[in-house]
Amino acid sequence: MNEDTQQPSLFDELGETQFPAGTTANTPTTITSLTSHIVALFERDDLLRDVWVTGEVSNWKQAASGHAYFSMKDSGATINAVMWRRSASQHSWLPNNGDQILAHGYVSIYPERGAYQLYVNRIQPAGKGQLYAQFERLKEQLGAAGLFDAERKRPLPAKVQRVGVITSPDAAAFRDILRVLSARWPSIDVILFPTLVQGSEAPRQVVHALSIANLYCMENEPLDLIILARGGGSIEDLWSFNDQRVAYAMVESVLPVVTGIGHETDFTIADFVADMRTPTPSAAAVAITPDRDEALAWVQGARDAIQFHITSRIRSAAEQLEGQKRRLMYLHPARQVDLRRQQLDDKIRRLQSQMAYQLERAKERTQSNQLHLGALNPANVLKRGYSIVQKESGEVVATPDAARQGETLVVQSAGGSYLVQRQDSA
């Protein structure tokens, strides 16, 4: 390129009059003043104030403050870039090193370093911006229609016995689901409803598979829920699950729908509509089943508890039975007869003892009375020399006045009786 055709530089177009007035070799300007002038030039350029830039991300770093610092480069140049925390927080997707992106923002000078950089407020994957825009529009539309509301979503059954799986029969996702279910809960039945999971025909087939699964549940055998699954891939690969027809078919399903689409970082419209979203097909299988080892441990614990309870009940019943036996033995008629016999014998012994005692007392009283009577017997008195004086009529003469002078009296003595007449003394 010769001098006649060479394009003028920015400084040539500005000319000397564009620099701060009065700057000469003898009166130079300051760095700050020069930098401020350059910033003003950048700000007057319409292209630099509103620009989309495409390139590869490198040196991506997100500070603790939330601001993101990185570089964008292509085969010929590199530019430093920054995205402030407020803009970064509004993005559901942020790039990694090596990603090709479209970045929107403005170009200005960072005075402290004297370097220009791109101030980014929006980022999209390069070549995918239109798809992401469609995704966001549909997400906003369906969200406003209430398809994502938690109140609409159905709870999963506590126990899953039969599950329908909607995916490609040849996909690794289906094999992963079968492997996990076999390891965690082998008794679960799996009914496959095959469909394409990629391409323009896939949405229609997914909708049809959802319809067939619900019909199968009503007319053949019950299903507990549906797993809608696909392995990882690009946004184009997963686009079948960002279809409005699929979203409404999931809402109209009688059966709860669990999604396991892509990888953990992938989100589709189907994930937002699903009654439960899991990050991968394998995770979907894990989410709907208990762990067999945990279940076996629980069963063993329950069995031990039941065994302990039964043993305790048997022991208690045995003790009660033994008590009833002892009570029955106590109340047995033969035992009662024996008891009454013993009581009768005891009473007889007590009566005999009492009778012997009473007889002995009576004997003693009789002997005492005999002795007393003997002491009072007139014959015994007579033996001691006393006599009894009686009239012939038998009346006892107790005093001299009781008999008349010369009256015949009968005198009783120990040796016999004889007659005397009363004679008064001179």
Protein backbone atom coordinates (compact mmCIF):
# COMPACT_ATOMS: atom_id res chain seq x y z
CA MET A 1 0.00 0.00 0.00
CA ASN A 2 1.52 3.32 -1.07
CA GLU A 3 1.28 6.59 0.73
CA ASP A 4 -1.43 7.89 -1.66
CA THR A 5 -3.80 5.05 -0.76
CA GLN A 6 -2.87 4.66 2.93
CA GLN A 7 -5.83 5.39 5.25
CA PRO A 8 -5.31 8.29 7.66
CA SER A 9 -4.84 7.46 11.31
CA LEU A 10 -7.16 8.62 14.07
CA PHE A 11 -4.67 11.31 15.03
CA ASP A 12 -4.39 12.51 11.40
CA GLU A 13 -8.16 12.87 11.19
CA LEU A 14 -8.32 14.76 14.48
CA GLY A 15 -5.48 17.16 13.53
CA GLU A 16 -3.50 19.27 15.91
CA THR A 17 -6.47 21.44 16.78
CA GLN A 18 -8.14 18.47 18.52
CA PHE A 19 -5.51 18.30 21.25
CA PRO A 20 -5.78 20.43 24.38
CA ALA A 21 -5.10 24.03 23.53
CA GLY A 22 -1.64 25.44 24.20
CA THR A 23 0.26 22.15 24.31
CA THR A 24 3.78 22.55 22.94
CA ALA A 25 7.18 21.16 23.66
CA ASN A 26 7.66 23.92 26.19
CA THR A 27 4.22 23.50 27.79
CA PRO A 28 3.40 19.76 27.71
CA THR A 29 0.04 18.37 28.96
CA THR A 30 -0.31 15.94 31.85
CA ILE A 31 -1.03 12.22 31.47
CA THR A 32 -4.37 12.68 33.20
CA SER A 33 -5.34 15.47 30.82
CA LEU A 34 -4.27 13.44 27.81
CA THR A 35 -6.17 10.38 29.04
CA SER A 36 -9.29 12.44 29.67
CA HIS A 37 -9.05 13.76 26.13
CA ILE A 38 -8.81 10.25 24.72
CA VAL A 39 -11.79 9.13 26.84
CA ALA A 40 -13.78 12.02 25.38
CA LEU A 41 -12.85 10.88 21.88
CA PHE A 42 -14.06 7.34 22.63
CA GLU A 43 -17.31 8.63 24.04
CA ARG A 44 -18.04 10.66 20.90
CA ASP A 45 -17.70 7.57 18.68
CA ASP A 46 -21.11 5.98 18.08
CA LEU A 47 -19.61 2.57 17.24
CA LEU A 48 -17.63 2.38 20.46
CA ARG A 49 -20.59 3.41 22.60
CA ASP A 50 -22.82 0.52 21.42
CA VAL A 51 -20.98 -2.47 20.00
CA TRP A 52 -21.36 -6.24 19.64
CA VAL A 53 -18.06 -8.10 19.66
CA THR A 54 -17.45 -11.76 18.87
CA GLY A 55 -14.45 -13.73 20.00
CA GLU A 56 -13.04 -16.46 22.26
CA VAL A 57 -13.06 -16.05 26.04
CA SER A 58 -9.78 -16.36 27.92
CA ASN A 59 -8.57 -15.58 31.45
CA TRP A 60 -12.14 -15.62 32.79
CA LYS A 61 -12.17 -14.66 36.46
CA GLN A 62 -15.13 -13.73 38.62
CA ALA A 63 -14.04 -11.79 41.68
CA ALA A 64 -15.55 -12.14 45.14
CA SER A 65 -17.32 -8.86 44.46
CA GLY A 66 -19.25 -10.55 41.64
CA HIS A 67 -17.52 -8.57 38.85
CA ALA A 68 -16.16 -10.69 35.98
CA TYR A 69 -12.83 -9.90 34.34
CA PHE A 70 -11.73 -11.63 31.13
CA SER A 71 -10.25 -11.20 27.66
CA MET A 72 -11.73 -11.71 24.19
CA LYS A 73 -9.52 -12.65 21.33
CA ASP A 74 -9.50 -13.78 17.74
CA SER A 75 -6.64 -14.71 15.41
CA GLY A 76 -5.42 -11.12 15.12
CA ALA A 77 -6.00 -9.25 18.39
CA THR A 78 -7.03 -9.33 22.07
CA ILE A 79 -9.13 -6.96 24.11
CA ASN A 80 -9.62 -6.88 27.88
CA ALA A 81 -13.20 -6.89 29.11
CA VAL A 82 -15.14 -6.46 32.33
CA MET A 83 -18.73 -7.24 33.31
CA TRP A 84 -20.03 -5.64 36.48
CA ARG A 85 -21.78 -7.74 39.09
CA ARG A 86 -25.26 -6.32 38.37
CA SER A 87 -25.08 -7.42 34.74
CA ALA A 88 -23.49 -10.77 35.57
CA SER A 89 -26.21 -11.61 38.11
CA GLN A 90 -28.89 -11.20 35.42
CA HIS A 91 -27.41 -13.97 33.28
CA SER A 92 -28.49 -17.62 33.63
CA TRP A 93 -25.45 -18.60 31.56
CA LEU A 94 -21.88 -17.33 31.81
CA PRO A 95 -18.99 -18.54 29.64
CA ASN A 96 -15.89 -20.57 30.42
CA ASN A 97 -12.43 -20.15 28.97
CA GLY A 98 -12.41 -21.18 25.32
CA ASP A 99 -16.09 -20.41 24.69
CA GLN A 100 -16.98 -18.39 21.62
CA ILE A 101 -19.32 -15.59 22.63
CA LEU A 102 -21.14 -12.51 21.47
CA ALA A 103 -20.60 -9.65 23.91
CA HIS A 104 -22.49 -6.37 23.94
CA GLY A 105 -21.30 -3.18 25.59
CA TYR A 106 -19.12 -0.15 25.03
CA VAL A 107 -15.39 0.53 24.69
CA SER A 108 -13.62 3.03 26.90
CA ILE A 109 -10.31 3.77 28.60
CA TYR A 110 -9.25 2.43 31.98
CA PRO A 111 -7.22 5.49 33.11
CA GLU A 112 -5.11 3.78 35.77
CA ARG A 113 -3.60 1.47 33.19
CA GLY A 114 -3.93 3.70 30.17
CA ALA A 115 -5.55 0.82 28.28
CA TYR A 116 -8.82 0.54 26.47
CA GLN A 117 -11.23 -2.27 27.37
CA LEU A 118 -14.71 -3.56 26.63
CA TYR A 119 -17.37 -2.94 29.28
CA VAL A 120 -19.85 -5.82 28.76
CA ASN A 121 -23.49 -5.85 29.82
CA ARG A 122 -24.77 -8.84 27.82
CA ILE A 123 -23.23 -12.17 26.78
CA GLN A 124 -24.56 -14.84 24.43
CA PRO A 125 -22.94 -17.94 22.99
CA ALA A 126 -21.66 -17.09 19.51
CA GLY A 127 -23.93 -18.56 16.84
CA LYS A 128 -26.60 -19.44 19.45
CA GLY A 129 -27.93 -16.04 20.27
CA GLN A 130 -31.13 -16.50 18.30
CA LEU A 131 -31.89 -19.83 19.99
CA TYR A 132 -31.30 -18.40 23.42
CA ALA A 133 -33.51 -15.43 22.60
CA GLN A 134 -36.29 -17.82 21.51
CA PHE A 135 -35.76 -19.82 24.68
CA GLU A 136 -36.09 -16.76 26.89
CA ARG A 137 -39.19 -15.54 25.07
CA LEU A 138 -40.92 -18.92 25.37
CA LYS A 139 -39.85 -19.24 28.99
CA GLU A 140 -41.34 -15.85 29.79
CA GLN A 141 -44.54 -16.66 27.87
CA LEU A 142 -45.13 -20.04 29.53
CA GLY A 143 -44.17 -18.70 32.94
CA ALA A 144 -46.78 -15.97 32.61
CA ALA A 145 -49.34 -18.64 31.62
CA GLY A 146 -48.69 -20.44 34.94
CA LEU A 147 -47.04 -23.59 33.53
CA PHE A 148 -44.11 -23.25 35.93
CA ASP A 149 -46.16 -22.57 39.07
CA ALA A 150 -45.34 -24.82 42.00
CA GLU A 151 -49.05 -25.04 42.92
CA ARG A 152 -49.79 -26.72 39.59
CA LYS A 153 -47.20 -29.44 39.96
CA ARG A 154 -48.19 -32.89 41.20
CA PRO A 155 -46.46 -34.73 44.02
CA LEU A 156 -44.70 -37.96 43.18
CA PRO A 157 -46.09 -41.19 44.63
CA ALA A 158 -44.34 -42.41 47.78
CA LYS A 159 -43.86 -45.88 46.27
CA VAL A 160 -43.09 -46.45 42.59
CA GLN A 161 -43.80 -49.92 41.19
CA ARG A 162 -44.11 -49.27 37.46
CA VAL A 163 -42.65 -46.35 35.52
CA GLY A 164 -42.94 -45.23 31.93
CA VAL A 165 -39.77 -43.95 30.23
CA ILE A 166 -39.97 -41.65 27.20
CA THR A 167 -36.67 -41.53 25.36
CA SER A 168 -34.81 -43.06 22.43
CA PRO A 169 -34.45 -46.85 22.85
CA ASP A 170 -30.90 -46.67 21.48
CA ALA A 171 -29.79 -43.80 23.70
CA ALA A 172 -27.29 -44.12 26.52
CA ALA A 173 -29.84 -42.32 28.68
CA PHE A 174 -32.17 -45.34 28.60
CA ARG A 175 -29.34 -47.72 29.48
CA ASP A 176 -28.31 -45.46 32.37
CA ILE A 177 -31.86 -45.45 33.72
CA LEU A 178 -32.12 -49.25 33.53
CA ARG A 179 -28.72 -49.67 35.18
CA VAL A 180 -29.58 -47.38 38.10
CA LEU A 181 -33.04 -48.88 38.63
CA SER A 182 -31.59 -52.39 38.55
CA ALA A 183 -29.00 -51.49 41.17
CA ARG A 184 -31.31 -49.55 43.46
CA TRP A 185 -34.71 -51.25 43.12
CA PRO A 186 -34.70 -54.32 40.83
CA SER A 187 -38.41 -55.09 41.29
CA ILE A 188 -39.58 -51.94 39.52
CA ASP A 189 -41.23 -52.43 36.10
CA VAL A 190 -40.10 -50.20 33.22
CA ILE A 191 -42.27 -49.54 30.17
CA LEU A 192 -40.46 -47.80 27.31
CA PHE A 193 -42.37 -45.40 25.06
CA PRO A 194 -39.82 -44.79 22.27
CA THR A 195 -39.40 -41.44 20.58
CA LEU A 196 -36.88 -39.32 18.78
CA VAL A 197 -35.15 -36.91 21.16
CA GLN A 198 -33.46 -34.72 18.53
CA GLY A 199 -34.44 -33.13 15.27
CA SER A 200 -37.50 -31.43 13.82
CA GLU A 201 -39.73 -34.50 14.27
CA ALA A 202 -38.76 -35.04 17.88
CA PRO A 203 -41.27 -32.63 19.54
CA ARG A 204 -44.22 -34.21 17.76
CA GLN A 205 -43.04 -37.70 18.72
CA VAL A 206 -42.49 -36.71 22.36
CA VAL A 207 -46.04 -35.32 22.54
CA HIS A 208 -47.36 -38.55 21.01
CA ALA A 209 -45.35 -40.67 23.47
CA LEU A 210 -46.80 -38.72 26.40
CA SER A 211 -50.29 -39.34 25.07
CA ILE A 212 -49.62 -43.07 24.55
CA ALA A 213 -48.16 -43.43 28.06
CA ASN A 214 -51.27 -41.92 29.64
CA LEU A 215 -53.52 -44.10 27.46
CA TYR A 216 -51.52 -47.19 28.43
CA CYS A 217 -51.99 -46.32 32.09
CA MET A 218 -55.75 -46.05 31.72
CA GLU A 219 -56.39 -49.06 29.44
CA ASN A 220 -53.64 -51.59 30.21
CA GLU A 221 -51.88 -51.42 33.56
CA PRO A 222 -51.29 -48.51 35.92
CA LEU A 223 -48.14 -46.41 35.78
CA ASP A 224 -46.92 -44.38 38.74
CA LEU A 225 -45.10 -41.69 36.75
CA ILE A 226 -43.21 -40.86 33.55
CA ILE A 227 -39.50 -40.16 33.11
CA LEU A 228 -38.74 -37.89 30.14
CA ALA A 229 -35.03 -38.34 29.45
CA ARG A 230 -32.22 -37.46 27.09
CA GLY A 231 -28.44 -37.37 27.42
CA GLY A 232 -26.31 -34.26 27.21
CA GLY A 233 -25.66 -32.18 24.14
CA SER A 234 -25.58 -28.68 22.71
CA ILE A 235 -28.48 -26.28 22.83
CA GLU A 236 -29.39 -27.40 19.32
CA ASP A 237 -29.37 -31.05 20.46
CA LEU A 238 -31.72 -30.30 23.36
CA TRP A 239 -33.97 -27.94 21.44
CA SER A 240 -36.76 -30.53 21.09
CA PHE A 241 -37.47 -30.05 24.79
CA ASN A 242 -37.86 -26.29 24.36
CA ASP A 243 -41.00 -26.77 22.30
CA GLN A 244 -44.32 -25.32 23.39
CA ARG A 245 -46.19 -28.45 22.27
CA VAL A 246 -44.11 -30.59 24.60
CA ALA A 247 -44.68 -28.18 27.48
CA TYR A 248 -48.48 -28.28 27.17
CA ALA A 249 -48.49 -32.06 26.68
CA MET A 250 -46.61 -32.42 29.99
CA VAL A 251 -49.16 -30.19 31.73
CA GLU A 252 -52.07 -32.22 30.32
CA SER A 253 -50.52 -35.54 31.39
CA VAL A 254 -52.50 -37.39 34.05
CA LEU A 255 -49.25 -38.93 35.27
CA PRO A 256 -46.52 -36.90 37.04
CA VAL A 257 -43.52 -36.20 34.78
CA VAL A 258 -39.91 -36.30 35.94
CA THR A 259 -37.27 -34.89 33.59
CA GLY A 260 -33.67 -36.00 33.29
CA ILE A 261 -32.41 -34.03 30.31
CA GLY A 262 -28.81 -33.20 29.45
CA HIS A 263 -26.24 -32.44 32.12
CA GLU A 264 -26.51 -30.64 35.42
CA THR A 265 -25.96 -27.20 33.85
CA ASP A 266 -28.54 -27.73 31.09
CA PHE A 267 -32.04 -26.31 31.53
CA THR A 268 -34.89 -26.72 29.07
CA ILE A 269 -38.49 -25.56 29.02
CA ALA A 270 -39.50 -29.14 29.85
CA ASP A 271 -37.45 -28.93 33.06
CA PHE A 272 -39.38 -25.86 34.19
CA VAL A 273 -42.74 -27.52 33.43
CA ALA A 274 -41.87 -30.91 34.95
CA ASP A 275 -43.31 -32.00 38.28
CA MET A 276 -39.70 -32.78 39.23
CA ARG A 277 -36.52 -31.77 37.40
CA THR A 278 -33.36 -33.84 37.83
CA PRO A 279 -30.00 -32.97 36.26
CA THR A 280 -29.40 -36.23 34.35
CA PRO A 281 -31.26 -39.42 33.31
CA SER A 282 -29.40 -41.36 36.01
CA ALA A 283 -30.43 -38.78 38.60
CA ALA A 284 -34.05 -39.20 37.53
CA ALA A 285 -33.83 -42.94 38.25
CA VAL A 286 -32.27 -42.19 41.63
CA ALA A 287 -34.94 -39.62 42.52
CA ILE A 288 -37.92 -41.98 42.05
CA THR A 289 -36.54 -45.02 43.85
CA PRO A 290 -35.32 -45.78 47.34
CA ASP A 291 -31.85 -47.21 47.78
CA ARG A 292 -32.02 -51.00 48.06
CA ASP A 293 -29.29 -51.17 50.70
CA GLU A 294 -31.01 -48.51 52.77
CA ALA A 295 -34.34 -50.28 52.34
CA LEU A 296 -32.82 -53.63 53.37
CA ALA A 297 -31.28 -51.98 56.42
CA TRP A 298 -34.66 -50.49 57.27
CA VAL A 299 -36.37 -53.87 56.81
CA GLN A 300 -33.76 -55.54 59.02
CA GLY A 301 -34.28 -52.89 61.67
CA ALA A 302 -38.05 -53.30 61.44
CA ARG A 303 -37.70 -57.09 61.64
CA ASP A 304 -35.49 -56.80 64.73
CA ALA A 305 -37.99 -54.45 66.32
CA ILE A 306 -40.88 -56.80 65.52
CA GLN A 307 -38.92 -59.78 66.84
CA PHE A 308 -38.16 -57.93 70.05
CA HIS A 309 -41.80 -56.91 70.37
CA ILE A 310 -43.03 -60.46 69.73
CA THR A 311 -40.52 -61.92 72.19
CA SER A 312 -41.57 -59.40 74.81
CA ARG A 313 -45.25 -60.18 74.21
CA ILE A 314 -44.61 -63.93 74.42
CA ARG A 315 -42.63 -63.51 77.64
CA SER A 316 -45.36 -61.33 79.13
CA ALA A 317 -48.06 -63.78 78.02
CA ALA A 318 -46.09 -66.69 79.51
CA GLU A 319 -45.80 -64.88 82.81
CA GLN A 320 -49.52 -64.13 82.76
CA LEU A 321 -50.28 -67.76 81.90
CA GLU A 322 -48.11 -68.99 84.75
CA GLY A 323 -49.93 -66.64 87.10
CA GLN A 324 -53.29 -67.91 85.83
CA LYS A 325 -52.12 -71.49 86.35
CA ARG A 326 -51.15 -70.72 89.92
CA ARG A 327 -54.48 -69.02 90.48
CA LEU A 328 -56.32 -71.96 88.89
CA MET A 329 -54.45 -74.41 91.05
CA TYR A 330 -55.39 -72.36 94.08
CA LEU A 331 -59.03 -72.33 93.04
CA HIS A 332 -59.17 -76.04 91.99
CA PRO A 333 -62.06 -77.92 93.76
CA ALA A 334 -59.77 -80.67 95.04
CA ARG A 335 -57.46 -78.06 96.51
CA GLN A 336 -60.43 -76.31 98.06
CA VAL A 337 -61.64 -79.61 99.58
CA ASP A 338 -58.18 -80.30 100.95
CA LEU A 339 -58.02 -76.78 102.29
CA ARG A 340 -61.43 -77.16 103.95
CA ARG A 341 -60.37 -80.53 105.38
CA GLN A 342 -57.29 -78.96 106.87
CA GLN A 343 -59.35 -76.10 108.23
CA LEU A 344 -61.82 -78.65 109.71
CA ASP A 345 -58.97 -80.57 111.30
CA ASP A 346 -57.65 -77.37 112.77
CA LYS A 347 -61.09 -76.49 114.15
CA ILE A 348 -61.48 -80.02 115.61
CA ARG A 349 -58.09 -79.73 117.27
CA ARG A 350 -59.00 -76.32 118.66
CA LEU A 351 -62.39 -77.63 119.92
CA GLN A 352 -60.79 -80.66 121.50
CA SER A 353 -58.20 -78.52 123.16
CA GLN A 354 -60.90 -76.11 124.34
CA MET A 355 -63.05 -78.96 125.61
CA ALA A 356 -60.12 -80.51 127.47
CA TYR A 357 -59.37 -77.15 128.98
CA GLN A 358 -62.97 -76.55 129.99
CA LEU A 359 -63.27 -80.08 131.46
CA GLU A 360 -60.10 -79.56 133.44
CA ARG A 361 -61.43 -76.26 134.76
CA ALA A 362 -64.76 -77.90 135.62
CA LYS A 363 -62.96 -80.72 137.41
CA GLU A 364 -60.98 -78.22 139.40
CA ARG A 365 -64.13 -76.30 140.30
CA THR A 366 -65.88 -79.55 141.26
CA GLN A 367 -63.03 -80.55 143.53
CA SER A 368 -63.03 -77.11 145.09
CA ASN A 369 -66.78 -77.24 145.62
CA GLN A 370 -66.47 -80.71 147.09
CA LEU A 371 -63.90 -79.48 149.55
CA HIS A 372 -66.09 -76.52 150.40
CA LEU A 373 -69.18 -78.71 150.78
CA GLY A 374 -67.22 -81.10 152.89
CA ALA A 375 -66.27 -78.28 155.18
CA LEU A 376 -69.94 -77.31 155.48
CA ASN A 377 -71.30 -80.89 156.02
CA PRO A 378 -73.04 -81.08 159.46
CA ALA A 379 -71.78 -84.61 159.95
CA ASN A 380 -68.25 -83.38 159.77
CA VAL A 381 -69.11 -80.63 162.23
CA LEU A 382 -70.57 -83.19 164.58
CA LYS A 383 -67.36 -85.18 164.33
CA ARG A 384 -65.56 -82.27 165.81
CA GLY A 385 -67.73 -82.57 168.97
CA TYR A 386 -70.63 -80.40 168.10
CA SER A 387 -74.29 -81.47 168.47
CA ILE A 388 -77.62 -80.38 167.03
CA VAL A 389 -80.53 -79.87 169.37
CA GLN A 390 -83.97 -80.35 167.88
CA LYS A 391 -87.48 -80.53 169.14
CA GLU A 392 -89.29 -83.72 168.52
CA SER A 393 -90.98 -81.93 165.66
CA GLY A 394 -87.54 -81.51 164.03
CA GLU A 395 -87.24 -77.81 164.69
CA VAL A 396 -83.73 -76.87 165.57
CA VAL A 397 -83.31 -75.25 168.91
CA ALA A 398 -80.88 -72.48 168.32
CA THR A 399 -81.40 -70.57 171.60
CA PRO A 400 -82.51 -71.56 175.05
CA ASP A 401 -85.67 -69.58 174.73
CA ALA A 402 -86.71 -71.82 171.84
CA ALA A 403 -87.51 -74.74 174.18
CA ARG A 404 -89.83 -74.92 177.26
CA GLN A 405 -88.86 -76.13 180.70
CA GLY A 406 -89.06 -79.92 180.76
CA GLU A 407 -89.59 -80.21 176.99
CA THR A 408 -88.05 -83.34 175.52
CA LEU A 409 -85.34 -82.46 173.03
CA VAL A 410 -83.54 -84.68 170.53
CA VAL A 411 -79.74 -84.24 170.51
CA GLN A 412 -77.85 -85.27 167.37
CA SER A 413 -74.16 -86.09 167.86
CA ALA A 414 -71.45 -87.79 165.87
CA GLY A 415 -72.16 -91.07 167.61
CA GLY A 416 -75.91 -90.89 167.24
CA SER A 417 -78.98 -89.18 168.74
CA TYR A 418 -80.46 -89.27 172.23
CA LEU A 419 -83.30 -87.60 174.18
CA VAL A 420 -82.91 -85.05 176.94
CA GLN A 421 -85.24 -82.77 178.85
CA ARG A 422 -84.59 -79.16 179.28
CA GLN A 423 -83.72 -78.32 182.80
CA ASP A 424 -83.04 -74.80 183.82
CA SER A 425 -80.14 -74.40 186.16
CA ALA A 426 -80.83 -73.21 189.72
